Amino acid sequence: MTTQESLELVQQFYATIGSGDIEATLNLLANDVEWETPFPREIVPHGGKWHGKEGVTEFFSLLNQNVEFQQFELKNFIAQDNQVAVVGHFKVLVKATGRYYEPDTVVIWTVEHGKIKQFREFTDTTQAVSAFRA
């Protein structure tokens, strides 16, 4: 894939997830996709590493059960070859505690054979851990 095609695929992912179309979102992923967030799973249920479409489905299920996004802003897309870096900012309400976390984030996406092969998020884990703790 070209750099432009990789960029467009990642942008399409954000559009489909934003519309709530989980089936269309999952169709953009490789069967053996690797999904990684830096949060410790023992505190933040959707944290850690997830594998395959089934793992990503579980990730989103836990995410939706535990948090509510108040703001999600994509600030910049930087693409080269099959990788896309997305710089963003979000504000999240933790349903169980009523507390918020509001970090900047960078996600590195890797695209292979027309599908998203890897998602790696880099963000301030301290904020999320504090918000999840009562």
Protein backbone atom coordinates (compact mmCIF):
# COMPACT_ATOMS: atom_id res chain seq x y z
CA MET A 1 0.00 0.00 0.00
CA THR A 2 1.07 3.56 -0.55
CA THR A 3 1.48 6.08 2.23
CA GLN A 4 -1.75 7.76 1.12
CA GLU A 5 -3.68 4.47 1.18
CA SER A 6 -2.40 3.70 4.69
CA LEU A 7 -3.46 7.16 5.84
CA GLU A 8 -6.91 6.80 4.29
CA LEU A 9 -7.43 3.39 5.93
CA VAL A 10 -6.66 4.78 9.39
CA GLN A 11 -8.93 7.77 8.75
CA GLN A 12 -11.66 5.36 7.65
CA PHE A 13 -11.21 3.44 10.92
CA TYR A 14 -11.86 6.62 12.94
CA ALA A 15 -14.90 7.42 10.79
CA THR A 16 -16.46 3.97 11.22
CA ILE A 17 -15.79 3.76 14.95
CA GLY A 18 -17.19 7.28 15.33
CA SER A 19 -20.39 6.24 13.57
CA GLY A 20 -20.78 3.24 15.87
CA ASP A 21 -20.53 0.73 13.02
CA ILE A 22 -18.55 -1.99 14.81
CA GLU A 23 -18.91 -4.52 11.97
CA ALA A 24 -17.45 -2.08 9.41
CA THR A 25 -14.71 -1.19 11.89
CA LEU A 26 -13.73 -4.83 12.44
CA ASN A 27 -13.66 -5.40 8.67
CA LEU A 28 -10.76 -2.92 8.47
CA LEU A 29 -8.62 -5.10 10.76
CA ALA A 30 -6.34 -8.00 9.86
CA ASN A 31 -7.51 -11.30 11.37
CA ASP A 32 -4.33 -11.40 13.46
CA VAL A 33 -4.35 -7.72 14.46
CA GLU A 34 -2.31 -6.70 17.50
CA TRP A 35 -3.91 -4.06 19.74
CA GLU A 36 -1.99 -2.48 22.62
CA THR A 37 -2.77 0.19 25.16
CA PRO A 38 -0.33 1.11 27.96
CA PHE A 39 -2.81 0.84 30.83
CA PRO A 40 -2.39 -1.90 33.46
CA ARG A 41 -5.32 -4.29 32.97
CA GLU A 42 -5.63 -5.02 36.69
CA ILE A 43 -6.74 -1.39 37.16
CA VAL A 44 -8.01 -0.31 33.73
CA PRO A 45 -10.07 -3.23 32.32
CA HIS A 46 -9.47 -2.35 28.66
CA GLY A 47 -5.70 -2.00 29.13
CA GLY A 48 -2.91 -4.21 27.89
CA LYS A 49 -2.47 -6.28 24.76
CA TRP A 50 -5.27 -7.78 22.70
CA HIS A 51 -4.90 -10.19 19.79
CA GLY A 52 -7.10 -10.85 16.78
CA LYS A 53 -10.50 -9.45 15.94
CA GLU A 54 -11.99 -11.30 18.91
CA GLY A 55 -9.55 -9.56 21.25
CA VAL A 56 -10.32 -6.15 19.75
CA THR A 57 -14.04 -6.87 20.11
CA GLU A 58 -13.48 -7.64 23.80
CA PHE A 59 -11.38 -4.47 24.15
CA PHE A 60 -14.20 -2.30 22.78
CA SER A 61 -16.79 -4.10 24.89
CA LEU A 62 -14.80 -3.40 28.06
CA LEU A 63 -14.09 0.16 26.94
CA ASN A 64 -17.81 0.84 26.43
CA GLN A 65 -18.75 -0.80 29.75
CA ASN A 66 -16.26 1.23 31.76
CA VAL A 67 -15.83 4.66 30.20
CA GLU A 68 -17.67 7.36 28.32
CA PHE A 69 -15.80 9.67 25.96
CA GLN A 70 -16.62 13.31 26.58
CA GLN A 71 -14.16 14.61 23.98
CA PHE A 72 -12.08 12.95 21.28
CA GLU A 73 -9.98 15.28 19.16
CA LEU A 74 -7.64 14.09 16.41
CA LYS A 75 -5.04 16.82 15.99
CA ASN A 76 -2.54 15.48 13.48
CA PHE A 77 -1.92 12.54 11.16
CA ILE A 78 1.66 11.74 10.15
CA ALA A 79 2.12 8.97 7.61
CA GLN A 80 5.05 7.23 5.99
CA ASP A 81 4.84 4.03 3.98
CA ASN A 82 2.67 1.58 5.97
CA GLN A 83 2.71 3.45 9.28
CA VAL A 84 0.48 6.27 10.47
CA ALA A 85 0.96 8.23 13.69
CA VAL A 86 -2.09 10.00 15.06
CA VAL A 87 -1.73 12.71 17.69
CA GLY A 88 -4.87 13.41 19.67
CA HIS A 89 -6.48 14.46 22.89
CA PHE A 90 -9.42 12.99 24.75
CA LYS A 91 -11.46 13.43 27.88
CA VAL A 92 -12.92 10.29 29.40
CA LEU A 93 -15.39 9.71 32.23
CA VAL A 94 -14.82 6.54 34.27
CA LYS A 95 -18.34 5.29 34.94
CA ALA A 96 -17.56 3.46 38.20
CA THR A 97 -15.84 6.38 39.93
CA GLY A 98 -17.32 9.45 38.23
CA ARG A 99 -13.78 10.72 37.71
CA TYR A 100 -12.20 11.98 34.50
CA TYR A 101 -8.88 11.60 32.79
CA GLU A 102 -7.84 13.90 29.98
CA PRO A 103 -4.52 13.01 28.34
CA ASP A 104 -2.87 13.70 25.05
CA THR A 105 -2.22 10.52 23.10
CA VAL A 106 -0.22 9.19 20.18
CA VAL A 107 -1.26 6.07 18.33
CA ILE A 108 1.04 4.29 15.91
CA TRP A 109 -0.90 2.28 13.32
CA THR A 110 0.69 -0.32 11.04
CA VAL A 111 -1.07 -1.36 7.84
CA GLU A 112 -0.36 -4.57 5.92
CA HIS A 113 -2.10 -5.95 2.83
CA GLY A 114 -4.90 -3.38 3.00
CA LYS A 115 -5.79 -4.08 6.64
CA ILE A 116 -4.83 -2.63 10.01
CA LYS A 117 -2.23 -4.99 11.46
CA GLN A 118 -1.23 -3.13 14.63
CA PHE A 119 -2.46 -0.40 16.99
CA ARG A 120 -0.07 0.88 19.69
CA GLU A 121 -1.18 3.70 21.97
CA PHE A 122 1.16 5.93 23.95
CA THR A 123 -0.39 8.15 26.63
CA ASP A 124 -0.23 9.27 30.25
CA THR A 125 -1.23 6.15 32.17
CA THR A 126 -1.05 7.89 35.55
CA GLN A 127 -4.16 9.95 34.81
CA ALA A 128 -6.21 6.91 33.84
CA VAL A 129 -5.07 4.84 36.82
CA SER A 130 -5.96 7.69 39.19
CA ALA A 131 -9.39 8.08 37.61
CA PHE A 132 -10.14 4.35 37.88
CA ARG A 133 -9.17 4.22 41.53
CA ALA A 134 -12.01 5.23 43.85
